[in-house]
PDB file of N, CA and C in Angstrom:
ATOM      1  N   MET A   1      27.419 -19.141 124.325  1.00  0.00           N
ATOM      2  CA  MET A   1      28.795 -19.365 123.964  1.00  0.00           C
ATOM      3  C   MET A   1      29.283 -20.705 124.505  1.00  0.00           C
ATOM      4  N   LYS A   2      28.849 -21.047 125.712  1.00  0.00           N
ATOM      5  CA  LYS A   2      29.280 -22.294 126.328  1.00  0.00           C
ATOM      6  C   LYS A   2      28.791 -23.503 125.526  1.00  0.00           C
ATOM      7  N   LYS A   3      27.533 -23.437 125.048  1.00  0.00           N
ATOM      8  CA  LYS A   3      26.993 -24.533 124.249  1.00  0.00           C
ATOM      9  C   LYS A   3      27.778 -24.713 122.962  1.00  0.00           C
ATOM     10  N   ARG A   4      28.101 -23.583 122.342  1.00  0.00           N
ATOM     11  CA  ARG A   4      28.819 -23.634 121.074  1.00  0.00           C
ATOM     12  C   ARG A   4      30.213 -24.232 121.269  1.00  0.00           C
ATOM     13  N   LEU A   5      30.906 -23.809 122.314  1.00  0.00           N
ATOM     14  CA  LEU A   5      32.233 -24.334 122.599  1.00  0.00           C
ATOM     15  C   LEU A   5      32.184 -25.823 122.919  1.00  0.00           C
ATOM     16  N   LYS A   6      31.172 -26.224 123.662  1.00  0.00           N
ATOM     17  CA  LYS A   6      31.028 -27.637 124.003  1.00  0.00           C
ATOM     18  C   LYS A   6      30.803 -28.471 122.739  1.00  0.00           C
ATOM     19  N   ARG A   7      30.001 -27.963 121.820  1.00  0.00           N
ATOM     20  CA  ARG A   7      29.740 -28.671 120.572  1.00  0.00           C
ATOM     21  C   ARG A   7      31.017 -28.783 119.732  1.00  0.00           C
ATOM     22  N   ILE A   8      31.778 -27.706 119.667  1.00  0.00           N
ATOM     23  CA  ILE A   8      33.016 -27.705 118.886  1.00  0.00           C
ATOM     24  C   ILE A   8      34.013 -28.707 119.445  1.00  0.00           C
ATOM     25  N   LEU A   9      34.190 -28.710 120.753  1.00  0.00           N
ATOM     26  CA  LEU A   9      35.148 -29.631 121.365  1.00  0.00           C
ATOM     27  C   LEU A   9      34.698 -31.085 121.237  1.00  0.00           C
ATOM     28  N   SER A  10      33.412 -31.323 121.364  1.00  0.00           N
ATOM     29  CA  SER A  10      32.910 -32.679 121.205  1.00  0.00           C
ATOM     30  C   SER A  10      33.126 -33.170 119.775  1.00  0.00           C
ATOM     31  N   ARG A  11      32.831 -32.300 118.821  1.00  0.00           N
ATOM     32  CA  ARG A  11      33.023 -32.663 117.418  1.00  0.00           C
ATOM     33  C   ARG A  11      34.493 -32.970 117.145  1.00  0.00           C
ATOM     34  N   ALA A  12      35.400 -32.158 117.668  1.00  0.00           N
ATOM     35  CA  ALA A  12      36.833 -32.365 117.450  1.00  0.00           C
ATOM     36  C   ALA A  12      37.317 -33.660 118.100  1.00  0.00           C
ATOM     37  N   ARG A  13      36.845 -33.935 119.301  1.00  0.00           N
ATOM     38  CA  ARG A  13      37.266 -35.151 120.002  1.00  0.00           C
ATOM     39  C   ARG A  13      36.839 -36.395 119.242  1.00  0.00           C
ATOM     40  N   TYR A  14      35.574 -36.438 118.845  1.00  0.00           N
ATOM     41  CA  TYR A  14      35.089 -37.608 118.134  1.00  0.00           C
ATOM     42  C   TYR A  14      35.698 -37.722 116.733  1.00  0.00           C
ATOM     43  N   ALA A  15      36.006 -36.584 116.107  1.00  0.00           N
ATOM     44  CA  ALA A  15      36.660 -36.615 114.797  1.00  0.00           C
ATOM     45  C   ALA A  15      38.054 -37.219 114.925  1.00  0.00           C
ATOM     46  N   ALA A  16      38.773 -36.866 115.964  1.00  0.00           N
ATOM     47  CA  ALA A  16      40.114 -37.410 116.173  1.00  0.00           C
ATOM     48  C   ALA A  16      40.067 -38.908 116.441  1.00  0.00           C
ATOM     49  N   ILE A  17      39.117 -39.315 117.252  1.00  0.00           N
ATOM     50  CA  ILE A  17      38.977 -40.747 117.542  1.00  0.00           C
ATOM     51  C   ILE A  17      38.593 -41.503 116.279  1.00  0.00           C
ATOM     52  N   GLY A  18      37.645 -40.958 115.521  1.00  0.00           N
ATOM     53  CA  GLY A  18      37.226 -41.601 114.277  1.00  0.00           C
ATOM     54  C   GLY A  18      38.349 -41.687 113.268  1.00  0.00           C
ATOM     55  N   ALA A  19      39.158 -40.640 113.174  1.00  0.00           N
ATOM     56  CA  ALA A  19      40.288 -40.646 112.244  1.00  0.00           C
ATOM     57  C   ALA A  19      41.304 -41.714 112.641  1.00  0.00           C
ATOM     58  N   ALA A  20      41.571 -41.845 113.920  1.00  0.00           N
ATOM     59  CA  ALA A  20      42.529 -42.853 114.378  1.00  0.00           C
ATOM     60  C   ALA A  20      42.031 -44.270 114.091  1.00  0.00           C
ATOM     61  N   VAL A  21      40.777 -44.496 114.376  1.00  0.00           N
ATOM     62  CA  VAL A  21      40.212 -45.828 114.124  1.00  0.00           C
ATOM     63  C   VAL A  21      40.186 -46.122 112.624  1.00  0.00           C
ATOM     64  N   GLY A  22      39.728 -45.157 111.832  1.00  0.00           N
ATOM     65  CA  GLY A  22      39.672 -45.349 110.385  1.00  0.00           C
ATOM     66  C   GLY A  22      41.039 -45.578 109.775  1.00  0.00           C
ATOM     67  N   ALA A  23      42.023 -44.815 110.226  1.00  0.00           N
ATOM     68  CA  ALA A  23      43.383 -44.983 109.706  1.00  0.00           C
ATOM     69  C   ALA A  23      43.967 -46.326 110.128  1.00  0.00           C
ATOM     70  N   GLY A  24      43.659 -46.739 111.336  1.00  0.00           N
ATOM     71  CA  GLY A  24      44.150 -48.046 111.797  1.00  0.00           C
ATOM     72  C   GLY A  24      43.584 -49.192 110.985  1.00  0.00           C
ATOM     73  N   ILE A  25      42.301 -49.131 110.730  1.00  0.00           N
ATOM     74  CA  ILE A  25      41.667 -50.182 109.935  1.00  0.00           C
ATOM     75  C   ILE A  25      42.170 -50.123 108.490  1.00  0.00           C
ATOM     76  N   GLY A  26      42.237 -48.916 107.941  1.00  0.00           N
ATOM     77  CA  GLY A  26      42.743 -48.771 106.577  1.00  0.00           C
ATOM     78  C   GLY A  26      44.194 -49.171 106.455  1.00  0.00           C
ATOM     79  N   GLY A  27      44.969 -48.956 107.515  1.00  0.00           N
ATOM     80  CA  GLY A  27      46.379 -49.329 107.512  1.00  0.00           C
ATOM     81  C   GLY A  27      46.603 -50.814 107.380  1.00  0.00           C
ATOM     82  N   LEU A  28      45.624 -51.598 107.745  1.00  0.00           N
ATOM     83  CA  LEU A  28      45.740 -53.047 107.558  1.00  0.00           C
ATOM     84  C   LEU A  28      45.721 -53.415 106.082  1.00  0.00           C
ATOM     85  N   VAL A  29      45.110 -52.565 105.269  1.00  0.00           N
ATOM     86  CA  VAL A  29      45.004 -52.816 103.832  1.00  0.00           C
ATOM     87  C   VAL A  29      46.204 -52.230 103.092  1.00  0.00           C
ATOM     88  N   GLY A  30      46.510 -50.973 103.376  1.00  0.00           N
ATOM     89  CA  GLY A  30      47.627 -50.331 102.679  1.00  0.00           C
ATOM     90  C   GLY A  30      47.753 -48.876 103.065  1.00  0.00           C
ATOM     91  N   ARG A  31      48.780 -48.218 102.526  1.00  0.00           N
ATOM     92  CA  ARG A  31      49.052 -46.834 102.877  1.00  0.00           C
ATOM     93  C   ARG A  31      47.948 -45.896 102.395  1.00  0.00           C
ATOM     94  N   ASN A  32      47.525 -46.055 101.164  1.00  0.00           N
ATOM     95  CA  ASN A  32      46.464 -45.191 100.639  1.00  0.00           C
ATOM     96  C   ASN A  32      45.145 -45.429 101.360  1.00  0.00           C
ATOM     97  N   ALA A  33      44.890 -46.670 101.694  1.00  0.00           N
ATOM     98  CA  ALA A  33      43.661 -46.995 102.413  1.00  0.00           C
ATOM     99  C   ALA A  33      43.682 -46.391 103.812  1.00  0.00           C
ATOM    100  N   ALA A  34      44.857 -46.277 104.411  1.00  0.00           N
ATOM    101  CA  ALA A  34      44.965 -45.665 105.741  1.00  0.00           C
ATOM    102  C   ALA A  34      44.579 -44.193 105.669  1.00  0.00           C
ATOM    103  N   SER A  35      45.030 -43.517 104.633  1.00  0.00           N
ATOM    104  CA  SER A  35      44.696 -42.104 104.471  1.00  0.00           C
ATOM    105  C   SER A  35      43.198 -41.919 104.257  1.00  0.00           C
ATOM    106  N   THR A  36      42.636 -42.730 103.374  1.00  0.00           N
ATOM    107  CA  THR A  36      41.199 -42.642 103.095  1.00  0.00           C
ATOM    108  C   THR A  36      40.386 -43.021 104.332  1.00  0.00           C
ATOM    109  N   GLY A  37      40.793 -44.067 105.015  1.00  0.00           N
ATOM    110  CA  GLY A  37      40.100 -44.488 106.230  1.00  0.00           C
ATOM    111  C   GLY A  37      40.131 -43.421 107.315  1.00  0.00           C
ATOM    112  N   GLY A  38      41.265 -42.737 107.421  1.00  0.00           N
ATOM    113  CA  GLY A  38      41.374 -41.653 108.400  1.00  0.00           C
ATOM    114  C   GLY A  38      40.428 -40.506 108.086  1.00  0.00           C
ATOM    115  N   ALA A  39      40.343 -40.166 106.807  1.00  0.00           N
ATOM    116  CA  ALA A  39      39.448 -39.068 106.411  1.00  0.00           C
ATOM    117  C   ALA A  39      37.987 -39.439 106.637  1.00  0.00           C
ATOM    118  N   LEU A  40      37.623 -40.636 106.226  1.00  0.00           N
ATOM    119  CA  LEU A  40      36.233 -41.067 106.420  1.00  0.00           C
ATOM    120  C   LEU A  40      35.902 -41.217 107.903  1.00  0.00           C
ATOM    121  N   GLY A  41      36.834 -41.731 108.664  1.00  0.00           N
ATOM    122  CA  GLY A  41      36.627 -41.861 110.102  1.00  0.00           C
ATOM    123  C   GLY A  41      36.446 -40.513 110.781  1.00  0.00           C
ATOM    124  N   ALA A  42      37.183 -39.507 110.317  1.00  0.00           N
ATOM    125  CA  ALA A  42      37.046 -38.165 110.891  1.00  0.00           C
ATOM    126  C   ALA A  42      35.673 -37.579 110.592  1.00  0.00           C
ATOM    127  N   ILE A  43      35.181 -37.791 109.384  1.00  0.00           N
ATOM    128  CA  ILE A  43      33.851 -37.282 109.028  1.00  0.00           C
ATOM    129  C   ILE A  43      32.779 -37.947 109.885  1.00  0.00           C
ATOM    130  N   VAL A  44      32.874 -39.260 109.995  1.00  0.00           N
ATOM    131  CA  VAL A  44      31.887 -39.993 110.794  1.00  0.00           C
ATOM    132  C   VAL A  44      31.986 -39.582 112.264  1.00  0.00           C
ATOM    133  N   GLY A  45      33.198 -39.467 112.767  1.00  0.00           N
ATOM    134  CA  GLY A  45      33.389 -39.066 114.162  1.00  0.00           C
ATOM    135  C   GLY A  45      32.854 -37.679 114.462  1.00  0.00           C
ATOM    136  N   ALA A  46      33.083 -36.741 113.541  1.00  0.00           N
ATOM    137  CA  ALA A  46      32.578 -35.379 113.747  1.00  0.00           C
ATOM    138  C   ALA A  46      31.053 -35.366 113.756  1.00  0.00           C
ATOM    139  N   THR A  47      30.453 -36.157 112.892  1.00  0.00           N
ATOM    140  CA  THR A  47      28.987 -36.235 112.852  1.00  0.00           C
ATOM    141  C   THR A  47      28.447 -36.814 114.150  1.00  0.00           C
ATOM    142  N   ILE A  48      29.060 -37.865 114.623  1.00  0.00           N
ATOM    143  CA  ILE A  48      28.618 -38.485 115.881  1.00  0.00           C
ATOM    144  C   ILE A  48      28.803 -37.512 117.040  1.00  0.00           C
ATOM    145  N   GLY A  49      29.938 -36.805 117.069  1.00  0.00           N
ATOM    146  CA  GLY A  49      30.195 -35.848 118.143  1.00  0.00           C
ATOM    147  C   GLY A  49      29.161 -34.745 118.196  1.00  0.00           C
ATOM    148  N   GLU A  50      28.759 -34.248 117.035  1.00  0.00           N
ATOM    149  CA  GLU A  50      27.757 -33.182 117.011  1.00  0.00           C
ATOM    150  C   GLU A  50      26.387 -33.703 117.440  1.00  0.00           C
ATOM    151  N   LYS A  51      26.014 -34.864 116.974  1.00  0.00           N
ATOM    152  CA  LYS A  51      24.713 -35.437 117.335  1.00  0.00           C
ATOM    153  C   LYS A  51      24.655 -35.771 118.810  1.00  0.00           C
ATOM    154  N   ARG A  52      25.752 -36.248 119.353  1.00  0.00           N
ATOM    155  CA  ARG A  52      25.756 -36.629 120.760  1.00  0.00           C
ATOM    156  C   ARG A  52      25.528 -35.420 121.662  1.00  0.00           C
ATOM    157  N   VAL A  53      26.160 -34.312 121.359  1.00  0.00           N
ATOM    158  CA  VAL A  53      25.969 -33.099 122.154  1.00  0.00           C
ATOM    159  C   VAL A  53      24.531 -32.621 122.040  1.00  0.00           C
ATOM    160  N   THR A  54      23.972 -32.701 120.835  1.00  0.00           N
ATOM    161  CA  THR A  54      22.594 -32.270 120.625  1.00  0.00           C
ATOM    162  C   THR A  54      21.640 -33.132 121.441  1.00  0.00           C
ATOM    163  N   VAL A  55      21.867 -34.437 121.438  1.00  0.00           N
ATOM    164  CA  VAL A  55      21.006 -35.351 122.186  1.00  0.00           C
ATOM    165  C   VAL A  55      21.173 -35.129 123.692  1.00  0.00           C
ATOM    166  N   ASP A  56      22.401 -34.956 124.150  1.00  0.00           N
ATOM    167  CA  ASP A  56      22.633 -34.720 125.579  1.00  0.00           C
ATOM    168  C   ASP A  56      21.937 -33.454 126.058  1.00  0.00           C
ATOM    169  N   SER A  57      22.008 -32.394 125.267  1.00  0.00           N
ATOM    170  CA  SER A  57      21.346 -31.153 125.681  1.00  0.00           C
ATOM    171  C   SER A  57      19.828 -31.312 125.669  1.00  0.00           C
ATOM    172  N   PHE A  58      19.301 -32.088 124.731  1.00  0.00           N
ATOM    173  CA  PHE A  58      17.862 -32.347 124.691  1.00  0.00           C
ATOM    174  C   PHE A  58      17.424 -33.104 125.937  1.00  0.00           C
ATOM    175  N   ILE A  59      18.197 -34.097 126.332  1.00  0.00           N
ATOM    176  CA  ILE A  59      17.866 -34.886 127.522  1.00  0.00           C
ATOM    177  C   ILE A  59      17.888 -34.007 128.768  1.00  0.00           C
ATOM    178  N   GLU A  60      18.870 -33.105 128.871  1.00  0.00           N
ATOM    179  CA  GLU A  60      18.929 -32.192 130.010  1.00  0.00           C
ATOM    180  C   GLU A  60      17.699 -31.287 130.063  1.00  0.00           C
ATOM    181  N   ASP A  61      17.266 -30.800 128.901  1.00  0.00           N
ATOM    182  CA  ASP A  61      16.069 -29.957 128.845  1.00  0.00           C
ATOM    183  C   ASP A  61      14.833 -30.715 129.312  1.00  0.00           C
ATOM    184  N   VAL A  62      14.707 -31.964 128.895  1.00  0.00           N
ATOM    185  CA  VAL A  62      13.558 -32.774 129.298  1.00  0.00           C
ATOM    186  C   VAL A  62      13.581 -33.007 130.809  1.00  0.00           C
ATOM    187  N   LYS A  63      14.743 -33.271 131.358  1.00  0.00           N
ATOM    188  CA  LYS A  63      14.858 -33.487 132.802  1.00  0.00           C
ATOM    189  C   LYS A  63      14.459 -32.229 133.580  1.00  0.00           C
ATOM    190  N   GLU A  64      14.877 -31.066 133.084  1.00  0.00           N
ATOM    191  CA  GLU A  64      14.530 -29.810 133.756  1.00  0.00           C
ATOM    192  C   GLU A  64      13.025 -29.574 133.724  1.00  0.00           C
ATOM    193  N   ARG A  65      12.419 -29.819 132.568  1.00  0.00           N
ATOM    194  CA  ARG A  65      10.963 -29.642 132.450  1.00  0.00           C
ATOM    195  C   ARG A  65      10.222 -30.597 133.378  1.00  0.00           C
ATOM    196  N   ARG A  66      10.706 -31.814 133.454  1.00  0.00           N
ATOM    197  CA  ARG A  66      10.059 -32.810 134.311  1.00  0.00           C
ATOM    198  C   ARG A  66      10.161 -32.405 135.779  1.00  0.00           C
ATOM    199  N   ALA A  67      11.324 -31.892 136.169  1.00  0.00           N
ATOM    200  CA  ALA A  67      11.504 -31.452 137.553  1.00  0.00           C
ATOM    201  C   ALA A  67      10.561 -30.292 137.875  1.00  0.00           C
ATOM    202  N   GLU A  68      10.373 -29.400 136.917  1.00  0.00           N
ATOM    203  CA  GLU A  68       9.450 -28.291 137.130  1.00  0.00           C
ATOM    204  C   GLU A  68       8.026 -28.779 137.309  1.00  0.00           C
ATOM    205  N   ARG A  69       7.637 -29.768 136.528  1.00  0.00           N
ATOM    206  CA  ARG A  69       6.280 -30.321 136.667  1.00  0.00           C
ATOM    207  C   ARG A  69       6.077 -30.957 138.034  1.00  0.00           C
ATOM    208  N   VAL A  70       7.095 -31.670 138.493  1.00  0.00           N
ATOM    209  CA  VAL A  70       6.990 -32.329 139.797  1.00  0.00           C
ATOM    210  C   VAL A  70       6.860 -31.279 140.896  1.00  0.00           C
ATOM    211  N   GLU A  71       7.625 -30.198 140.786  1.00  0.00           N
ATOM    212  CA  GLU A  71       7.536 -29.122 141.786  1.00  0.00           C
ATOM    213  C   GLU A  71       6.161 -28.484 141.780  1.00  0.00           C
ATOM    214  N   LEU A  72       5.608 -28.260 140.599  1.00  0.00           N
ATOM    215  CA  LEU A  72       4.273 -27.675 140.508  1.00  0.00           C
ATOM    216  C   LEU A  72       3.210 -28.622 141.065  1.00  0.00           C
ATOM    217  N   ALA A  73       3.371 -29.910 140.822  1.00  0.00           N
ATOM    218  CA  ALA A  73       2.413 -30.896 141.327  1.00  0.00           C
ATOM    219  C   ALA A  73       2.481 -30.999 142.850  1.00  0.00           C
ATOM    220  N   ASP A  74       3.702 -30.851 143.388  1.00  0.00           N
ATOM    221  CA  ASP A  74       3.860 -30.913 144.839  1.00  0.00           C
ATOM    222  C   ASP A  74       3.230 -29.709 145.533  1.00  0.00           C
ATOM    223  N   GLU A  75       3.209 -28.564 144.865  1.00  0.00           N
ATOM    224  CA  GLU A  75       2.619 -27.359 145.446  1.00  0.00           C
ATOM    225  C   GLU A  75       1.117 -27.455 145.566  1.00  0.00           C
ATOM    226  N   ASP A  76       0.505 -28.218 144.647  1.00  0.00           N
ATOM    227  CA  ASP A  76      -0.964 -28.359 144.672  1.00  0.00           C
ATOM    228  C   ASP A  76      -1.361 -29.319 145.732  1.00  0.00           C
TER     229      ASP A  76
END
């Protein structure tokens, strides 16, 4: 449950940041472009947020496995 909640919050955070950036850039062009930029920015941000959590959890798993190997090597 904790992993799922972390993924959801990360996706939401990055989606909000992406929407703000996209809307800001689109706002330089016009009102309709701001709306479209916000939507596209939210999609990109949500994708980045989900991938980042996945990569972070993978890195943590690798670190744990490596620590276990070192402990086993020290015992020998």
